[in-house]
Amino acid sequence: MTEFQGWLLLAMLAAIVVALTHSWYWVAIGITFAVIGVCGLLTDLAKSERNRQP
């Protein structure tokens, strides 16, 4: 499992938790994890782009 898939999994888990609970507390945590996941995803993409270039 790559780092990319790990971030995606985290974001998905956060979304599922939010959907199940609908509590503002969990919504805040879910949004936080989603933001972290997206940031990590973008960082990974930028890293892989840089690695591909000679």
PDB file of N, CA and C in Angstrom:
ATOM      1  N   MET A   1       0.853  -1.204   0.000  1.00  0.00           N
ATOM      2  CA  MET A   1       0.000   0.000   0.000  1.00  0.00           C
ATOM      3  C   MET A   1       0.887   1.251   0.000  1.00  0.00           C
ATOM      4  N   THR A   2       0.622   2.119  -0.956  1.00  0.00           N
ATOM      5  CA  THR A   2       1.411   3.344  -1.051  1.00  0.00           C
ATOM      6  C   THR A   2       0.908   4.396  -0.078  1.00  0.00           C
ATOM      7  N   GLU A   3       1.711   5.449   0.081  1.00  0.00           N
ATOM      8  CA  GLU A   3       1.325   6.556   0.956  1.00  0.00           C
ATOM      9  C   GLU A   3       0.014   7.173   0.447  1.00  0.00           C
ATOM     10  N   PHE A   4      -0.082   7.271  -0.883  1.00  0.00           N
ATOM     11  CA  PHE A   4      -1.258   7.833  -1.550  1.00  0.00           C
ATOM     12  C   PHE A   4      -2.525   7.090  -1.121  1.00  0.00           C
ATOM     13  N   GLN A   5      -2.470   5.757  -1.166  1.00  0.00           N
ATOM     14  CA  GLN A   5      -3.624   4.949  -0.782  1.00  0.00           C
ATOM     15  C   GLN A   5      -3.930   5.096   0.703  1.00  0.00           C
ATOM     16  N   GLY A   6      -2.873   5.267   1.501  1.00  0.00           N
ATOM     17  CA  GLY A   6      -3.059   5.445   2.937  1.00  0.00           C
ATOM     18  C   GLY A   6      -3.847   6.709   3.247  1.00  0.00           C
ATOM     19  N   TRP A   7      -3.478   7.796   2.578  1.00  0.00           N
ATOM     20  CA  TRP A   7      -4.193   9.063   2.781  1.00  0.00           C
ATOM     21  C   TRP A   7      -5.645   8.929   2.334  1.00  0.00           C
ATOM     22  N   LEU A   8      -5.849   8.265   1.198  1.00  0.00           N
ATOM     23  CA  LEU A   8      -7.187   8.086   0.653  1.00  0.00           C
ATOM     24  C   LEU A   8      -8.052   7.290   1.633  1.00  0.00           C
ATOM     25  N   LEU A   9      -7.461   6.245   2.211  1.00  0.00           N
ATOM     26  CA  LEU A   9      -8.160   5.395   3.172  1.00  0.00           C
ATOM     27  C   LEU A   9      -8.561   6.206   4.402  1.00  0.00           C
ATOM     28  N   LEU A  10      -7.647   7.038   4.896  1.00  0.00           N
ATOM     29  CA  LEU A  10      -7.931   7.892   6.050  1.00  0.00           C
ATOM     30  C   LEU A  10      -9.116   8.805   5.762  1.00  0.00           C
ATOM     31  N   ALA A  11      -9.093   9.436   4.601  1.00  0.00           N
ATOM     32  CA  ALA A  11     -10.169  10.360   4.224  1.00  0.00           C
ATOM     33  C   ALA A  11     -11.505   9.620   4.131  1.00  0.00           C
ATOM     34  N   MET A  12     -11.478   8.413   3.554  1.00  0.00           N
ATOM     35  CA  MET A  12     -12.706   7.634   3.424  1.00  0.00           C
ATOM     36  C   MET A  12     -13.252   7.218   4.784  1.00  0.00           C
ATOM     37  N   LEU A  13     -12.365   6.774   5.668  1.00  0.00           N
ATOM     38  CA  LEU A  13     -12.784   6.386   7.016  1.00  0.00           C
ATOM     39  C   LEU A  13     -13.417   7.578   7.740  1.00  0.00           C
ATOM     40  N   ALA A  14     -12.797   8.747   7.609  1.00  0.00           N
ATOM     41  CA  ALA A  14     -13.331   9.946   8.246  1.00  0.00           C
ATOM     42  C   ALA A  14     -14.732  10.248   7.715  1.00  0.00           C
ATOM     43  N   ALA A  15     -14.918  10.120   6.399  1.00  0.00           N
ATOM     44  CA  ALA A  15     -16.222  10.391   5.788  1.00  0.00           C
ATOM     45  C   ALA A  15     -17.275   9.413   6.303  1.00  0.00           C
ATOM     46  N   ILE A  16     -16.888   8.148   6.450  1.00  0.00           N
ATOM     47  CA  ILE A  16     -17.829   7.129   6.942  1.00  0.00           C
ATOM     48  C   ILE A  16     -18.236   7.435   8.385  1.00  0.00           C
ATOM     49  N   VAL A  17     -17.257   7.783   9.217  1.00  0.00           N
ATOM     50  CA  VAL A  17     -17.542   8.104  10.619  1.00  0.00           C
ATOM     51  C   VAL A  17     -18.517   9.268  10.709  1.00  0.00           C
ATOM     52  N   VAL A  18     -18.272  10.306   9.907  1.00  0.00           N
ATOM     53  CA  VAL A  18     -19.152  11.476   9.898  1.00  0.00           C
ATOM     54  C   VAL A  18     -20.564  11.075   9.481  1.00  0.00           C
ATOM     55  N   ALA A  19     -20.657  10.260   8.441  1.00  0.00           N
ATOM     56  CA  ALA A  19     -21.967   9.837   7.933  1.00  0.00           C
ATOM     57  C   ALA A  19     -22.737   9.037   8.987  1.00  0.00           C
ATOM     58  N   LEU A  20     -22.020   8.237   9.782  1.00  0.00           N
ATOM     59  CA  LEU A  20     -22.670   7.389  10.776  1.00  0.00           C
ATOM     60  C   LEU A  20     -23.112   8.169  12.015  1.00  0.00           C
ATOM     61  N   THR A  21     -22.365   9.196  12.383  1.00  0.00           N
ATOM     62  CA  THR A  21     -22.633   9.844  13.667  1.00  0.00           C
ATOM     63  C   THR A  21     -23.446  11.128  13.554  1.00  0.00           C
ATOM     64  N   HIS A  22     -23.155  11.950  12.555  1.00  0.00           N
ATOM     65  CA  HIS A  22     -23.820  13.245  12.374  1.00  0.00           C
ATOM     66  C   HIS A  22     -23.679  14.147  13.599  1.00  0.00           C
ATOM     67  N   SER A  23     -22.658  13.900  14.400  1.00  0.00           N
ATOM     68  CA  SER A  23     -22.399  14.742  15.561  1.00  0.00           C
ATOM     69  C   SER A  23     -21.412  15.838  15.171  1.00  0.00           C
ATOM     70  N   TRP A  24     -21.642  17.064  15.651  1.00  0.00           N
ATOM     71  CA  TRP A  24     -20.776  18.184  15.258  1.00  0.00           C
ATOM     72  C   TRP A  24     -19.323  17.904  15.615  1.00  0.00           C
ATOM     73  N   TYR A  25     -19.121  17.181  16.723  1.00  0.00           N
ATOM     74  CA  TYR A  25     -17.775  16.833  17.179  1.00  0.00           C
ATOM     75  C   TYR A  25     -17.067  15.957  16.141  1.00  0.00           C
ATOM     76  N   TRP A  26     -17.794  14.937  15.660  1.00  0.00           N
ATOM     77  CA  TRP A  26     -17.233  14.032  14.661  1.00  0.00           C
ATOM     78  C   TRP A  26     -17.119  14.716  13.311  1.00  0.00           C
ATOM     79  N   VAL A  27     -18.048  15.621  13.019  1.00  0.00           N
ATOM     80  CA  VAL A  27     -17.971  16.367  11.765  1.00  0.00           C
ATOM     81  C   VAL A  27     -16.679  17.187  11.742  1.00  0.00           C
ATOM     82  N   ALA A  28     -16.368  17.835  12.869  1.00  0.00           N
ATOM     83  CA  ALA A  28     -15.143  18.635  12.961  1.00  0.00           C
ATOM     84  C   ALA A  28     -13.912  17.752  12.762  1.00  0.00           C
ATOM     85  N   ILE A  29     -13.906  16.592  13.396  1.00  0.00           N
ATOM     86  CA  ILE A  29     -12.787  15.656  13.248  1.00  0.00           C
ATOM     87  C   ILE A  29     -12.712  15.155  11.805  1.00  0.00           C
ATOM     88  N   GLY A  30     -13.863  14.846  11.230  1.00  0.00           N
ATOM     89  CA  GLY A  30     -13.904  14.354   9.845  1.00  0.00           C
ATOM     90  C   GLY A  30     -13.355  15.386   8.872  1.00  0.00           C
ATOM     91  N   ILE A  31     -13.760  16.643   9.050  1.00  0.00           N
ATOM     92  CA  ILE A  31     -13.270  17.712   8.185  1.00  0.00           C
ATOM     93  C   ILE A  31     -11.759  17.851   8.351  1.00  0.00           C
ATOM     94  N   THR A  32     -11.301  17.798   9.605  1.00  0.00           N
ATOM     95  CA  THR A  32      -9.862  17.911   9.874  1.00  0.00           C
ATOM     96  C   THR A  32      -9.093  16.807   9.156  1.00  0.00           C
ATOM     97  N   PHE A  33      -9.571  15.556   9.282  1.00  0.00           N
ATOM     98  CA  PHE A  33      -8.898  14.442   8.620  1.00  0.00           C
ATOM     99  C   PHE A  33      -8.966  14.569   7.102  1.00  0.00           C
ATOM    100  N   ALA A  34     -10.102  15.045   6.594  1.00  0.00           N
ATOM    101  CA  ALA A  34     -10.235  15.227   5.152  1.00  0.00           C
ATOM    102  C   ALA A  34      -9.226  16.252   4.645  1.00  0.00           C
ATOM    103  N   VAL A  35      -9.082  17.362   5.382  1.00  0.00           N
ATOM    104  CA  VAL A  35      -8.116  18.398   5.003  1.00  0.00           C
ATOM    105  C   VAL A  35      -6.697  17.836   5.048  1.00  0.00           C
ATOM    106  N   ILE A  36      -6.378  17.106   6.130  1.00  0.00           N
ATOM    107  CA  ILE A  36      -5.058  16.483   6.255  1.00  0.00           C
ATOM    108  C   ILE A  36      -4.840  15.501   5.102  1.00  0.00           C
ATOM    109  N   GLY A  37      -5.865  14.731   4.798  1.00  0.00           N
ATOM    110  CA  GLY A  37      -5.769  13.751   3.713  1.00  0.00           C
ATOM    111  C   GLY A  37      -5.517  14.410   2.372  1.00  0.00           C
ATOM    112  N   VAL A  38      -6.263  15.477   2.085  1.00  0.00           N
ATOM    113  CA  VAL A  38      -6.092  16.187   0.812  1.00  0.00           C
ATOM    114  C   VAL A  38      -4.696  16.806   0.737  1.00  0.00           C
ATOM    115  N   CYS A  39      -4.247  17.410   1.839  1.00  0.00           N
ATOM    116  CA  CYS A  39      -2.906  18.023   1.874  1.00  0.00           C
ATOM    117  C   CYS A  39      -1.834  16.957   1.656  1.00  0.00           C
ATOM    118  N   GLY A  40      -1.980  15.833   2.320  1.00  0.00           N
ATOM    119  CA  GLY A  40      -1.019  14.740   2.160  1.00  0.00           C
ATOM    120  C   GLY A  40      -1.023  14.205   0.743  1.00  0.00           C
ATOM    121  N   LEU A  41      -2.217  14.110   0.166  1.00  0.00           N
ATOM    122  CA  LEU A  41      -2.377  13.626  -1.195  1.00  0.00           C
ATOM    123  C   LEU A  41      -1.663  14.552  -2.169  1.00  0.00           C
ATOM    124  N   LEU A  42      -1.892  15.864  -2.027  1.00  0.00           N
ATOM    125  CA  LEU A  42      -1.256  16.839  -2.910  1.00  0.00           C
ATOM    126  C   LEU A  42       0.263  16.799  -2.750  1.00  0.00           C
ATOM    127  N   THR A  43       0.724  16.657  -1.511  1.00  0.00           N
ATOM    128  CA  THR A  43       2.163  16.571  -1.253  1.00  0.00           C
ATOM    129  C   THR A  43       2.750  15.345  -1.942  1.00  0.00           C
ATOM    130  N   ASP A  44       2.047  14.210  -1.835  1.00  0.00           N
ATOM    131  CA  ASP A  44       2.516  12.981  -2.480  1.00  0.00           C
ATOM    132  C   ASP A  44       2.572  13.150  -3.993  1.00  0.00           C
ATOM    133  N   LEU A  45       1.541  13.764  -4.562  1.00  0.00           N
ATOM    134  CA  LEU A  45       1.508  13.971  -6.010  1.00  0.00           C
ATOM    135  C   LEU A  45       2.653  14.866  -6.449  1.00  0.00           C
ATOM    136  N   ALA A  46       2.901  15.939  -5.705  1.00  0.00           N
ATOM    137  CA  ALA A  46       3.996  16.856  -6.029  1.00  0.00           C
ATOM    138  C   ALA A  46       5.334  16.119  -5.949  1.00  0.00           C
ATOM    139  N   LYS A  47       5.484  15.270  -4.923  1.00  0.00           N
ATOM    140  CA  LYS A  47       6.723  14.510  -4.753  1.00  0.00           C
ATOM    141  C   LYS A  47       6.934  13.557  -5.934  1.00  0.00           C
ATOM    142  N   SER A  48       5.890  12.839  -6.332  1.00  0.00           N
ATOM    143  CA  SER A  48       6.018  11.871  -7.418  1.00  0.00           C
ATOM    144  C   SER A  48       6.279  12.593  -8.749  1.00  0.00           C
ATOM    145  N   GLU A  49       5.713  13.777  -8.914  1.00  0.00           N
ATOM    146  CA  GLU A  49       5.978  14.570 -10.125  1.00  0.00           C
ATOM    147  C   GLU A  49       7.443  14.946 -10.176  1.00  0.00           C
ATOM    148  N   ARG A  50       7.976  15.384  -9.039  1.00  0.00           N
ATOM    149  CA  ARG A  50       9.373  15.803  -8.972  1.00  0.00           C
ATOM    150  C   ARG A  50      10.291  14.606  -9.219  1.00  0.00           C
ATOM    151  N   ASN A  51       9.919  13.445  -8.699  1.00  0.00           N
ATOM    152  CA  ASN A  51      10.752  12.251  -8.843  1.00  0.00           C
ATOM    153  C   ASN A  51      10.783  11.763 -10.292  1.00  0.00           C
ATOM    154  N   ARG A  52       9.704  12.001 -11.039  1.00  0.00           N
ATOM    155  CA  ARG A  52       9.618  11.536 -12.414  1.00  0.00           C
ATOM    156  C   ARG A  52      10.528  12.361 -13.333  1.00  0.00           C
ATOM    157  N   GLN A  53      10.680  13.631 -12.988  1.00  0.00           N
ATOM    158  CA  GLN A  53      11.512  14.503 -13.827  1.00  0.00           C
ATOM    159  C   GLN A  53      12.991  14.169 -13.625  1.00  0.00           C
ATOM    160  N   PRO A  54      13.783  14.145 -14.703  1.00  0.00           N
ATOM    161  CA  PRO A  54      15.211  13.803 -14.598  1.00  0.00           C
ATOM    162  C   PRO A  54      16.021  14.887 -13.890  1.00  0.00           C
TER     163      PRO A  54
END
